[in-house]
Amino acid sequence: MVAGFIRTVCVYVAAAMAEIFGCYAFWLFFKEGRSCLWLLPGCVSLACFAWVLTFSPSDQAGRAFAIYGGIYIVSSLCWMWSVEGNRPDLWDMVGAVFCLMGAGIILLVPRS
């Protein structure tokens, strides 16, 4: 049970990192005026994101995406802090906790 939970969290975190990097590469090109060469790793990373998310244990794509949403929000705030150098504020953290609680409910509640 614990190993399965850890594997699931790893899948969602890996998917989030791939998506965030891919989107950030596009951000750098379109918003920061960086080289169009950023678009290639961005596309590859976004394709990896979609592939990694298929390893979610959910039988329904929509439920997998909903669970992923909570992890994505927390991962985005971690990215903002570690890569962009902007520390999340109290309200970022409060919102992230609520999102993780929602994702946890969707992931962990037994279904018939």
PDB file of N, CA and C in Angstrom:
ATOM      1  N   MET A   1       0.825  -1.197   0.000  1.00  0.00           N
ATOM      2  CA  MET A   1       0.000   0.000   0.000  1.00  0.00           C
ATOM      3  C   MET A   1       0.867   1.259   0.000  1.00  0.00           C
ATOM      4  N   VAL A   2       1.837   1.340   0.907  1.00  0.00           N
ATOM      5  CA  VAL A   2       2.703   2.519   0.995  1.00  0.00           C
ATOM      6  C   VAL A   2       3.554   2.640  -0.260  1.00  0.00           C
ATOM      7  N   ALA A   3       4.095   1.520  -0.734  1.00  0.00           N
ATOM      8  CA  ALA A   3       4.917   1.558  -1.950  1.00  0.00           C
ATOM      9  C   ALA A   3       4.102   2.029  -3.146  1.00  0.00           C
ATOM     10  N   GLY A   4       2.857   1.581  -3.237  1.00  0.00           N
ATOM     11  CA  GLY A   4       1.986   2.013  -4.318  1.00  0.00           C
ATOM     12  C   GLY A   4       1.683   3.502  -4.236  1.00  0.00           C
ATOM     13  N   PHE A   5       1.478   4.003  -3.018  1.00  0.00           N
ATOM     14  CA  PHE A   5       1.223   5.426  -2.827  1.00  0.00           C
ATOM     15  C   PHE A   5       2.444   6.248  -3.227  1.00  0.00           C
ATOM     16  N   ILE A   6       3.625   5.798  -2.810  1.00  0.00           N
ATOM     17  CA  ILE A   6       4.864   6.511  -3.156  1.00  0.00           C
ATOM     18  C   ILE A   6       5.071   6.505  -4.663  1.00  0.00           C
ATOM     19  N   ARG A   7       4.812   5.370  -5.310  1.00  0.00           N
ATOM     20  CA  ARG A   7       4.941   5.296  -6.766  1.00  0.00           C
ATOM     21  C   ARG A   7       3.985   6.269  -7.443  1.00  0.00           C
ATOM     22  N   THR A   8       2.754   6.331  -6.942  1.00  0.00           N
ATOM     23  CA  THR A   8       1.750   7.233  -7.504  1.00  0.00           C
ATOM     24  C   THR A   8       2.181   8.687  -7.367  1.00  0.00           C
ATOM     25  N   VAL A   9       2.661   9.060  -6.189  1.00  0.00           N
ATOM     26  CA  VAL A   9       3.127  10.435  -5.979  1.00  0.00           C
ATOM     27  C   VAL A   9       4.298  10.737  -6.917  1.00  0.00           C
ATOM     28  N   CYS A  10       5.201   9.781  -7.083  1.00  0.00           N
ATOM     29  CA  CYS A  10       6.341   9.982  -7.983  1.00  0.00           C
ATOM     30  C   CYS A  10       5.887  10.191  -9.429  1.00  0.00           C
ATOM     31  N   VAL A  11       4.882   9.442  -9.853  1.00  0.00           N
ATOM     32  CA  VAL A  11       4.344   9.610 -11.210  1.00  0.00           C
ATOM     33  C   VAL A  11       3.805  11.019 -11.379  1.00  0.00           C
ATOM     34  N   TYR A  12       3.011  11.477 -10.423  1.00  0.00           N
ATOM     35  CA  TYR A  12       2.415  12.808 -10.537  1.00  0.00           C
ATOM     36  C   TYR A  12       3.462  13.917 -10.451  1.00  0.00           C
ATOM     37  N   VAL A  13       4.453  13.771  -9.589  1.00  0.00           N
ATOM     38  CA  VAL A  13       5.509  14.790  -9.486  1.00  0.00           C
ATOM     39  C   VAL A  13       6.353  14.816 -10.761  1.00  0.00           C
ATOM     40  N   ALA A  14       6.681  13.651 -11.300  1.00  0.00           N
ATOM     41  CA  ALA A  14       7.445  13.610 -12.558  1.00  0.00           C
ATOM     42  C   ALA A  14       6.652  14.251 -13.692  1.00  0.00           C
ATOM     43  N   ALA A  15       5.355  13.964 -13.742  1.00  0.00           N
ATOM     44  CA  ALA A  15       4.509  14.576 -14.774  1.00  0.00           C
ATOM     45  C   ALA A  15       4.487  16.095 -14.601  1.00  0.00           C
ATOM     46  N   ALA A  16       4.365  16.541 -13.367  1.00  0.00           N
ATOM     47  CA  ALA A  16       4.322  17.981 -13.115  1.00  0.00           C
ATOM     48  C   ALA A  16       5.626  18.654 -13.528  1.00  0.00           C
ATOM     49  N   MET A  17       6.749  18.061 -13.191  1.00  0.00           N
ATOM     50  CA  MET A  17       8.028  18.663 -13.564  1.00  0.00           C
ATOM     51  C   MET A  17       8.181  18.729 -15.086  1.00  0.00           C
ATOM     52  N   ALA A  18       7.747  17.675 -15.773  1.00  0.00           N
ATOM     53  CA  ALA A  18       7.834  17.669 -17.241  1.00  0.00           C
ATOM     54  C   ALA A  18       6.931  18.748 -17.833  1.00  0.00           C
ATOM     55  N   GLU A  19       5.713  18.864 -17.310  1.00  0.00           N
ATOM     56  CA  GLU A  19       4.803  19.873 -17.850  1.00  0.00           C
ATOM     57  C   GLU A  19       5.284  21.287 -17.535  1.00  0.00           C
ATOM     58  N   ILE A  20       5.714  21.500 -16.309  1.00  0.00           N
ATOM     59  CA  ILE A  20       6.160  22.838 -15.922  1.00  0.00           C
ATOM     60  C   ILE A  20       7.381  23.241 -16.726  1.00  0.00           C
ATOM     61  N   PHE A  21       8.355  22.346 -16.892  1.00  0.00           N
ATOM     62  CA  PHE A  21       9.521  22.696 -17.702  1.00  0.00           C
ATOM     63  C   PHE A  21       9.107  22.997 -19.138  1.00  0.00           C
ATOM     64  N   GLY A  22       8.235  22.147 -19.699  1.00  0.00           N
ATOM     65  CA  GLY A  22       7.797  22.367 -21.078  1.00  0.00           C
ATOM     66  C   GLY A  22       7.110  23.700 -21.253  1.00  0.00           C
ATOM     67  N   CYS A  23       6.224  24.031 -20.345  1.00  0.00           N
ATOM     68  CA  CYS A  23       5.532  25.324 -20.420  1.00  0.00           C
ATOM     69  C   CYS A  23       6.489  26.477 -20.153  1.00  0.00           C
ATOM     70  N   TYR A  24       7.432  26.276 -19.251  1.00  0.00           N
ATOM     71  CA  TYR A  24       8.409  27.324 -18.951  1.00  0.00           C
ATOM     72  C   TYR A  24       9.288  27.616 -20.170  1.00  0.00           C
ATOM     73  N   ALA A  25       9.619  26.577 -20.922  1.00  0.00           N
ATOM     74  CA  ALA A  25      10.406  26.781 -22.137  1.00  0.00           C
ATOM     75  C   ALA A  25       9.647  27.675 -23.121  1.00  0.00           C
ATOM     76  N   PHE A  26       8.347  27.447 -23.265  1.00  0.00           N
ATOM     77  CA  PHE A  26       7.523  28.305 -24.123  1.00  0.00           C
ATOM     78  C   PHE A  26       7.430  29.716 -23.534  1.00  0.00           C
ATOM     79  N   TRP A  27       7.314  29.810 -22.222  1.00  0.00           N
ATOM     80  CA  TRP A  27       7.281  31.099 -21.538  1.00  0.00           C
ATOM     81  C   TRP A  27       8.544  31.896 -21.855  1.00  0.00           C
ATOM     82  N   LEU A  28       9.695  31.213 -21.758  1.00  0.00           N
ATOM     83  CA  LEU A  28      10.962  31.896 -22.042  1.00  0.00           C
ATOM     84  C   LEU A  28      10.997  32.441 -23.459  1.00  0.00           C
ATOM     85  N   PHE A  29      10.500  31.665 -24.407  1.00  0.00           N
ATOM     86  CA  PHE A  29      10.510  32.115 -25.797  1.00  0.00           C
ATOM     87  C   PHE A  29       9.533  33.273 -26.019  1.00  0.00           C
ATOM     88  N   PHE A  30       8.283  33.081 -25.618  1.00  0.00           N
ATOM     89  CA  PHE A  30       7.256  34.073 -25.931  1.00  0.00           C
ATOM     90  C   PHE A  30       7.275  35.299 -25.018  1.00  0.00           C
ATOM     91  N   LYS A  31       7.565  35.115 -23.743  1.00  0.00           N
ATOM     92  CA  LYS A  31       7.493  36.234 -22.797  1.00  0.00           C
ATOM     93  C   LYS A  31       8.844  36.883 -22.525  1.00  0.00           C
ATOM     94  N   GLU A  32       9.913  36.102 -22.626  1.00  0.00           N
ATOM     95  CA  GLU A  32      11.234  36.619 -22.281  1.00  0.00           C
ATOM     96  C   GLU A  32      12.118  36.865 -23.502  1.00  0.00           C
ATOM     97  N   GLY A  33      11.613  36.530 -24.691  1.00  0.00           N
ATOM     98  CA  GLY A  33      12.373  36.772 -25.915  1.00  0.00           C
ATOM     99  C   GLY A  33      13.591  35.884 -26.101  1.00  0.00           C
ATOM    100  N   ARG A  34      13.586  34.712 -25.474  1.00  0.00           N
ATOM    101  CA  ARG A  34      14.711  33.788 -25.632  1.00  0.00           C
ATOM    102  C   ARG A  34      14.657  33.117 -27.002  1.00  0.00           C
ATOM    103  N   SER A  35      15.696  32.400 -27.329  1.00  0.00           N
ATOM    104  CA  SER A  35      15.834  31.734 -28.621  1.00  0.00           C
ATOM    105  C   SER A  35      14.683  30.756 -28.873  1.00  0.00           C
ATOM    106  N   CYS A  36      14.327  30.631 -30.158  1.00  0.00           N
ATOM    107  CA  CYS A  36      13.284  29.663 -30.528  1.00  0.00           C
ATOM    108  C   CYS A  36      13.750  28.228 -30.283  1.00  0.00           C
ATOM    109  N   LEU A  37      15.023  28.038 -30.045  1.00  0.00           N
ATOM    110  CA  LEU A  37      15.533  26.701 -29.733  1.00  0.00           C
ATOM    111  C   LEU A  37      14.955  26.170 -28.419  1.00  0.00           C
ATOM    112  N   TRP A  38      14.439  27.049 -27.563  1.00  0.00           N
ATOM    113  CA  TRP A  38      13.786  26.614 -26.337  1.00  0.00           C
ATOM    114  C   TRP A  38      12.518  25.817 -26.628  1.00  0.00           C
ATOM    115  N   LEU A  39      11.934  26.022 -27.824  1.00  0.00           N
ATOM    116  CA  LEU A  39      10.682  25.334 -28.141  1.00  0.00           C
ATOM    117  C   LEU A  39      10.869  23.831 -28.323  1.00  0.00           C
ATOM    118  N   LEU A  40      12.022  23.402 -28.788  1.00  0.00           N
ATOM    119  CA  LEU A  40      12.259  21.967 -28.993  1.00  0.00           C
ATOM    120  C   LEU A  40      12.254  21.199 -27.675  1.00  0.00           C
ATOM    121  N   PRO A  41      13.070  21.569 -26.688  1.00  0.00           N
ATOM    122  CA  PRO A  41      12.964  20.828 -25.418  1.00  0.00           C
ATOM    123  C   PRO A  41      11.607  21.020 -24.751  1.00  0.00           C
ATOM    124  N   GLY A  42      10.980  22.160 -25.007  1.00  0.00           N
ATOM    125  CA  GLY A  42       9.644  22.371 -24.467  1.00  0.00           C
ATOM    126  C   GLY A  42       8.654  21.358 -25.005  1.00  0.00           C
ATOM    127  N   CYS A  43       8.689  21.134 -26.316  1.00  0.00           N
ATOM    128  CA  CYS A  43       7.783  20.152 -26.937  1.00  0.00           C
ATOM    129  C   CYS A  43       8.075  18.736 -26.450  1.00  0.00           C
ATOM    130  N   VAL A  44       9.348  18.399 -26.362  1.00  0.00           N
ATOM    131  CA  VAL A  44       9.733  17.063 -25.890  1.00  0.00           C
ATOM    132  C   VAL A  44       9.261  16.865 -24.447  1.00  0.00           C
ATOM    133  N   SER A  45       9.451  17.879 -23.629  1.00  0.00           N
ATOM    134  CA  SER A  45       9.051  17.782 -22.234  1.00  0.00           C
ATOM    135  C   SER A  45       7.536  17.648 -22.089  1.00  0.00           C
ATOM    136  N   LEU A  46       6.785  18.377 -22.904  1.00  0.00           N
ATOM    137  CA  LEU A  46       5.322  18.264 -22.838  1.00  0.00           C
ATOM    138  C   LEU A  46       4.839  16.892 -23.310  1.00  0.00           C
ATOM    139  N   ALA A  47       5.516  16.320 -24.305  1.00  0.00           N
ATOM    140  CA  ALA A  47       5.175  14.964 -24.735  1.00  0.00           C
ATOM    141  C   ALA A  47       5.490  13.960 -23.623  1.00  0.00           C
ATOM    142  N   CYS A  48       6.613  14.156 -22.942  1.00  0.00           N
ATOM    143  CA  CYS A  48       6.959  13.285 -21.807  1.00  0.00           C
ATOM    144  C   CYS A  48       5.931  13.403 -20.690  1.00  0.00           C
ATOM    145  N   PHE A  49       5.465  14.611 -20.447  1.00  0.00           N
ATOM    146  CA  PHE A  49       4.424  14.822 -19.438  1.00  0.00           C
ATOM    147  C   PHE A  49       3.207  13.957 -19.740  1.00  0.00           C
ATOM    148  N   ALA A  50       2.733  14.012 -20.980  1.00  0.00           N
ATOM    149  CA  ALA A  50       1.533  13.249 -21.350  1.00  0.00           C
ATOM    150  C   ALA A  50       1.773  11.754 -21.193  1.00  0.00           C
ATOM    151  N   TRP A  51       2.943  11.298 -21.565  1.00  0.00           N
ATOM    152  CA  TRP A  51       3.281   9.881 -21.461  1.00  0.00           C
ATOM    153  C   TRP A  51       3.356   9.447 -19.998  1.00  0.00           C
ATOM    154  N   VAL A  52       4.061  10.220 -19.180  1.00  0.00           N
ATOM    155  CA  VAL A  52       4.223   9.855 -17.764  1.00  0.00           C
ATOM    156  C   VAL A  52       2.872   9.803 -17.056  1.00  0.00           C
ATOM    157  N   LEU A  53       1.974  10.717 -17.395  1.00  0.00           N
ATOM    158  CA  LEU A  53       0.673  10.742 -16.735  1.00  0.00           C
ATOM    159  C   LEU A  53      -0.142   9.481 -17.015  1.00  0.00           C
ATOM    160  N   THR A  54       0.171   8.780 -18.094  1.00  0.00           N
ATOM    161  CA  THR A  54      -0.549   7.525 -18.369  1.00  0.00           C
ATOM    162  C   THR A  54      -0.214   6.432 -17.354  1.00  0.00           C
ATOM    163  N   PHE A  55       0.825   6.630 -16.548  1.00  0.00           N
ATOM    164  CA  PHE A  55       1.187   5.664 -15.512  1.00  0.00           C
ATOM    165  C   PHE A  55       0.389   5.876 -14.225  1.00  0.00           C
ATOM    166  N   SER A  56      -0.525   6.818 -14.232  1.00  0.00           N
ATOM    167  CA  SER A  56      -1.388   7.040 -13.084  1.00  0.00           C
ATOM    168  C   SER A  56      -2.218   5.780 -12.836  1.00  0.00           C
ATOM    169  N   PRO A  57      -2.474   5.457 -11.569  1.00  0.00           N
ATOM    170  CA  PRO A  57      -3.246   4.246 -11.278  1.00  0.00           C
ATOM    171  C   PRO A  57      -4.742   4.375 -11.566  1.00  0.00           C
ATOM    172  N   SER A  58      -5.208   5.575 -11.889  1.00  0.00           N
ATOM    173  CA  SER A  58      -6.634   5.783 -12.121  1.00  0.00           C
ATOM    174  C   SER A  58      -7.092   5.112 -13.409  1.00  0.00           C
ATOM    175  N   ASP A  59      -8.306   4.577 -13.378  1.00  0.00           N
ATOM    176  CA  ASP A  59      -8.893   3.976 -14.576  1.00  0.00           C
ATOM    177  C   ASP A  59      -9.548   5.019 -15.476  1.00  0.00           C
ATOM    178  N   GLN A  60      -9.781   6.207 -14.942  1.00  0.00           N
ATOM    179  CA  GLN A  60     -10.413   7.270 -15.723  1.00  0.00           C
ATOM    180  C   GLN A  60      -9.431   8.427 -15.885  1.00  0.00           C
ATOM    181  N   ALA A  61      -9.310   8.903 -17.107  1.00  0.00           N
ATOM    182  CA  ALA A  61      -8.397  10.009 -17.385  1.00  0.00           C
ATOM    183  C   ALA A  61      -8.784  11.250 -16.588  1.00  0.00           C
ATOM    184  N   GLY A  62     -10.067  11.553 -16.539  1.00  0.00           N
ATOM    185  CA  GLY A  62     -10.516  12.748 -15.826  1.00  0.00           C
ATOM    186  C   GLY A  62     -10.138  12.730 -14.355  1.00  0.00           C
ATOM    187  N   ARG A  63     -10.263  11.569 -13.714  1.00  0.00           N
ATOM    188  CA  ARG A  63      -9.887  11.453 -12.305  1.00  0.00           C
ATOM    189  C   ARG A  63      -8.371  11.591 -12.155  1.00  0.00           C
ATOM    190  N   ALA A  64      -7.610  11.005 -13.059  1.00  0.00           N
ATOM    191  CA  ALA A  64      -6.149  11.147 -13.020  1.00  0.00           C
ATOM    192  C   ALA A  64      -5.760  12.616 -13.152  1.00  0.00           C
ATOM    193  N   PHE A  65      -6.427  13.330 -14.061  1.00  0.00           N
ATOM    194  CA  PHE A  65      -6.120  14.747 -14.270  1.00  0.00           C
ATOM    195  C   PHE A  65      -6.492  15.572 -13.037  1.00  0.00           C
ATOM    196  N   ALA A  66      -7.604  15.223 -12.385  1.00  0.00           N
ATOM    197  CA  ALA A  66      -8.035  15.954 -11.194  1.00  0.00           C
ATOM    198  C   ALA A  66      -7.031  15.780 -10.053  1.00  0.00           C
ATOM    199  N   ILE A  67      -6.581  14.552  -9.836  1.00  0.00           N
ATOM    200  CA  ILE A  67      -5.576  14.294  -8.804  1.00  0.00           C
ATOM    201  C   ILE A  67      -4.297  15.047  -9.143  1.00  0.00           C
ATOM    202  N   TYR A  68      -3.912  14.956 -10.401  1.00  0.00           N
ATOM    203  CA  TYR A  68      -2.700  15.620 -10.873  1.00  0.00           C
ATOM    204  C   TYR A  68      -2.764  17.130 -10.628  1.00  0.00           C
ATOM    205  N   GLY A  69      -3.945  17.716 -10.746  1.00  0.00           N
ATOM    206  CA  GLY A  69      -4.096  19.151 -10.572  1.00  0.00           C
ATOM    207  C   GLY A  69      -3.566  19.644  -9.237  1.00  0.00           C
ATOM    208  N   GLY A  70      -3.859  18.917  -8.174  1.00  0.00           N
ATOM    209  CA  GLY A  70      -3.363  19.306  -6.853  1.00  0.00           C
ATOM    210  C   GLY A  70      -1.849  19.244  -6.771  1.00  0.00           C
ATOM    211  N   ILE A  71      -1.282  18.170  -7.314  1.00  0.00           N
ATOM    212  CA  ILE A  71       0.179  18.015  -7.319  1.00  0.00           C
ATOM    213  C   ILE A  71       0.809  19.100  -8.187  1.00  0.00           C
ATOM    214  N   TYR A  72       0.170  19.405  -9.315  1.00  0.00           N
ATOM    215  CA  TYR A  72       0.686  20.422 -10.228  1.00  0.00           C
ATOM    216  C   TYR A  72       0.768  21.789  -9.548  1.00  0.00           C
ATOM    217  N   ILE A  73      -0.238  22.130  -8.787  1.00  0.00           N
ATOM    218  CA  ILE A  73      -0.254  23.428  -8.119  1.00  0.00           C
ATOM    219  C   ILE A  73       0.902  23.541  -7.128  1.00  0.00           C
ATOM    220  N   VAL A  74       1.091  22.526  -6.308  1.00  0.00           N
ATOM    221  CA  VAL A  74       2.191  22.544  -5.348  1.00  0.00           C
ATOM    222  C   VAL A  74       3.532  22.558  -6.081  1.00  0.00           C
ATOM    223  N   SER A  75       3.655  21.757  -7.132  1.00  0.00           N
ATOM    224  CA  SER A  75       4.903  21.712  -7.901  1.00  0.00           C
ATOM    225  C   SER A  75       5.193  23.053  -8.565  1.00  0.00           C
ATOM    226  N   SER A  76       4.159  23.727  -9.035  1.00  0.00           N
ATOM    227  CA  SER A  76       4.341  25.045  -9.653  1.00  0.00           C
ATOM    228  C   SER A  76       4.875  26.057  -8.653  1.00  0.00           C
ATOM    229  N   LEU A  77       4.379  25.996  -7.438  1.00  0.00           N
ATOM    230  CA  LEU A  77       4.876  26.907  -6.404  1.00  0.00           C
ATOM    231  C   LEU A  77       6.324  26.579  -6.034  1.00  0.00           C
ATOM    232  N   CYS A  78       6.644  25.296  -6.000  1.00  0.00           N
ATOM    233  CA  CYS A  78       8.041  24.895  -5.747  1.00  0.00           C
ATOM    234  C   CYS A  78       8.948  25.381  -6.877  1.00  0.00           C
ATOM    235  N   TRP A  79       8.465  25.284  -8.117  1.00  0.00           N
ATOM    236  CA  TRP A  79       9.215  25.776  -9.280  1.00  0.00           C
ATOM    237  C   TRP A  79       9.435  27.281  -9.161  1.00  0.00           C
ATOM    238  N   MET A  80       8.374  27.997  -8.823  1.00  0.00           N
ATOM    239  CA  MET A  80       8.470  29.452  -8.693  1.00  0.00           C
ATOM    240  C   MET A  80       9.548  29.823  -7.675  1.00  0.00           C
ATOM    241  N   TRP A  81       9.613  29.060  -6.589  1.00  0.00           N
ATOM    242  CA  TRP A  81      10.573  29.350  -5.535  1.00  0.00           C
ATOM    243  C   TRP A  81      11.985  28.939  -5.949  1.00  0.00           C
ATOM    244  N   SER A  82      12.141  27.713  -6.458  1.00  0.00           N
ATOM    245  CA  SER A  82      13.481  27.194  -6.723  1.00  0.00           C
ATOM    246  C   SER A  82      14.097  27.700  -8.030  1.00  0.00           C
ATOM    247  N   VAL A  83      13.303  27.885  -9.074  1.00  0.00           N
ATOM    248  CA  VAL A  83      13.837  28.286 -10.378  1.00  0.00           C
ATOM    249  C   VAL A  83      13.734  29.796 -10.589  1.00  0.00           C
ATOM    250  N   GLU A  84      12.584  30.355 -10.234  1.00  0.00           N
ATOM    251  CA  GLU A  84      12.368  31.777 -10.484  1.00  0.00           C
ATOM    252  C   GLU A  84      12.786  32.659  -9.308  1.00  0.00           C
ATOM    253  N   GLY A  85      13.043  32.045  -8.170  1.00  0.00           N
ATOM    254  CA  GLY A  85      13.534  32.792  -7.020  1.00  0.00           C
ATOM    255  C   GLY A  85      12.482  33.619  -6.294  1.00  0.00           C
ATOM    256  N   ASN A  86      11.217  33.285  -6.457  1.00  0.00           N
ATOM    257  CA  ASN A  86      10.132  33.994  -5.775  1.00  0.00           C
ATOM    258  C   ASN A  86       9.479  33.066  -4.765  1.00  0.00           C
ATOM    259  N   ARG A  87       9.624  33.401  -3.513  1.00  0.00           N
ATOM    260  CA  ARG A  87       9.089  32.555  -2.451  1.00  0.00           C
ATOM    261  C   ARG A  87       7.568  32.661  -2.383  1.00  0.00           C
ATOM    262  N   PRO A  88       6.868  31.521  -2.298  1.00  0.00           N
ATOM    263  CA  PRO A  88       5.407  31.559  -2.145  1.00  0.00           C
ATOM    264  C   PRO A  88       5.029  32.268  -0.843  1.00  0.00           C
ATOM    265  N   ASP A  89       3.933  32.995  -0.877  1.00  0.00           N
ATOM    266  CA  ASP A  89       3.476  33.672   0.339  1.00  0.00           C
ATOM    267  C   ASP A  89       2.506  32.780   1.104  1.00  0.00           C
ATOM    268  N   LEU A  90       2.005  33.299   2.187  1.00  0.00           N
ATOM    269  CA  LEU A  90       1.113  32.530   3.056  1.00  0.00           C
ATOM    270  C   LEU A  90      -0.101  32.020   2.289  1.00  0.00           C
ATOM    271  N   TRP A  91      -0.686  32.857   1.449  1.00  0.00           N
ATOM    272  CA  TRP A  91      -1.903  32.473   0.746  1.00  0.00           C
ATOM    273  C   TRP A  91      -1.625  31.457  -0.350  1.00  0.00           C
ATOM    274  N   ASP A  92      -0.437  31.505  -0.935  1.00  0.00           N
ATOM    275  CA  ASP A  92      -0.040  30.438  -1.861  1.00  0.00           C
ATOM    276  C   ASP A  92      -0.030  29.099  -1.127  1.00  0.00           C
ATOM    277  N   MET A  93       0.557  29.110   0.079  1.00  0.00           N
ATOM    278  CA  MET A  93       0.671  27.879   0.862  1.00  0.00           C
ATOM    279  C   MET A  93      -0.701  27.377   1.324  1.00  0.00           C
ATOM    280  N   VAL A  94      -1.547  28.271   1.768  1.00  0.00           N
ATOM    281  CA  VAL A  94      -2.889  27.875   2.205  1.00  0.00           C
ATOM    282  C   VAL A  94      -3.652  27.260   1.035  1.00  0.00           C
ATOM    283  N   GLY A  95      -3.606  27.906  -0.106  1.00  0.00           N
ATOM    284  CA  GLY A  95      -4.280  27.373  -1.288  1.00  0.00           C
ATOM    285  C   GLY A  95      -3.723  26.020  -1.688  1.00  0.00           C
ATOM    286  N   ALA A  96      -2.399  25.869  -1.611  1.00  0.00           N
ATOM    287  CA  ALA A  96      -1.762  24.600  -1.971  1.00  0.00           C
ATOM    288  C   ALA A  96      -2.207  23.476  -1.041  1.00  0.00           C
ATOM    289  N   VAL A  97      -2.342  23.765   0.239  1.00  0.00           N
ATOM    290  CA  VAL A  97      -2.800  22.749   1.198  1.00  0.00           C
ATOM    291  C   VAL A  97      -4.209  22.288   0.843  1.00  0.00           C
ATOM    292  N   PHE A  98      -5.088  23.227   0.533  1.00  0.00           N
ATOM    293  CA  PHE A  98      -6.449  22.857   0.147  1.00  0.00           C
ATOM    294  C   PHE A  98      -6.459  22.015  -1.126  1.00  0.00           C
ATOM    295  N   CYS A  99      -5.612  22.385  -2.078  1.00  0.00           N
ATOM    296  CA  CYS A  99      -5.543  21.615  -3.333  1.00  0.00           C
ATOM    297  C   CYS A  99      -5.042  20.197  -3.085  1.00  0.00           C
ATOM    298  N   LEU A 100      -4.031  20.053  -2.230  1.00  0.00           N
ATOM    299  CA  LEU A 100      -3.524  18.721  -1.907  1.00  0.00           C
ATOM    300  C   LEU A 100      -4.561  17.900  -1.156  1.00  0.00           C
ATOM    301  N   MET A 101      -5.311  18.541  -0.283  1.00  0.00           N
ATOM    302  CA  MET A 101      -6.370  17.812   0.427  1.00  0.00           C
ATOM    303  C   MET A 101      -7.408  17.306  -0.569  1.00  0.00           C
ATOM    304  N   GLY A 102      -7.785  18.123  -1.517  1.00  0.00           N
ATOM    305  CA  GLY A 102      -8.747  17.695  -2.528  1.00  0.00           C
ATOM    306  C   GLY A 102      -8.212  16.563  -3.373  1.00  0.00           C
ATOM    307  N   ALA A 103      -6.952  16.679  -3.804  1.00  0.00           N
ATOM    308  CA  ALA A 103      -6.339  15.603  -4.594  1.00  0.00           C
ATOM    309  C   ALA A 103      -6.261  14.321  -3.780  1.00  0.00           C
ATOM    310  N   GLY A 104      -5.925  14.446  -2.502  1.00  0.00           N
ATOM    311  CA  GLY A 104      -5.846  13.272  -1.632  1.00  0.00           C
ATOM    312  C   GLY A 104      -7.177  12.572  -1.472  1.00  0.00           C
ATOM    313  N   ILE A 105      -8.237  13.367  -1.337  1.00  0.00           N
ATOM    314  CA  ILE A 105      -9.571  12.768  -1.232  1.00  0.00           C
ATOM    315  C   ILE A 105      -9.905  12.005  -2.512  1.00  0.00           C
ATOM    316  N   ILE A 106      -9.669  12.615  -3.652  1.00  0.00           N
ATOM    317  CA  ILE A 106      -9.974  11.949  -4.918  1.00  0.00           C
ATOM    318  C   ILE A 106      -9.139  10.683  -5.082  1.00  0.00           C
ATOM    319  N   LEU A 107      -7.875  10.726  -4.671  1.00  0.00           N
ATOM    320  CA  LEU A 107      -6.974   9.585  -4.847  1.00  0.00           C
ATOM    321  C   LEU A 107      -7.259   8.462  -3.859  1.00  0.00           C
ATOM    322  N   LEU A 108      -7.498   8.802  -2.605  1.00  0.00           N
ATOM    323  CA  LEU A 108      -7.479   7.798  -1.541  1.00  0.00           C
ATOM    324  C   LEU A 108      -8.834   7.232  -1.116  1.00  0.00           C
ATOM    325  N   VAL A 109      -9.925   7.911  -1.459  1.00  0.00           N
ATOM    326  CA  VAL A 109     -11.238   7.420  -1.045  1.00  0.00           C
ATOM    327  C   VAL A 109     -11.552   6.111  -1.765  1.00  0.00           C
ATOM    328  N   PRO A 110     -11.940   5.081  -0.999  1.00  0.00           N
ATOM    329  CA  PRO A 110     -12.294   3.811  -1.633  1.00  0.00           C
ATOM    330  C   PRO A 110     -13.525   3.970  -2.526  1.00  0.00           C
ATOM    331  N   ARG A 111     -13.508   3.304  -3.638  1.00  0.00           N
ATOM    332  CA  ARG A 111     -14.634   3.345  -4.587  1.00  0.00           C
ATOM    333  C   ARG A 111     -15.213   1.946  -4.747  1.00  0.00           C
ATOM    334  N   SER A 112     -16.505   1.892  -4.957  1.00  0.00           N
ATOM    335  CA  SER A 112     -17.145   0.574  -5.115  1.00  0.00           C
ATOM    336  C   SER A 112     -17.129   0.127  -6.556  1.00  0.00           C
TER     337      SER A 112
END
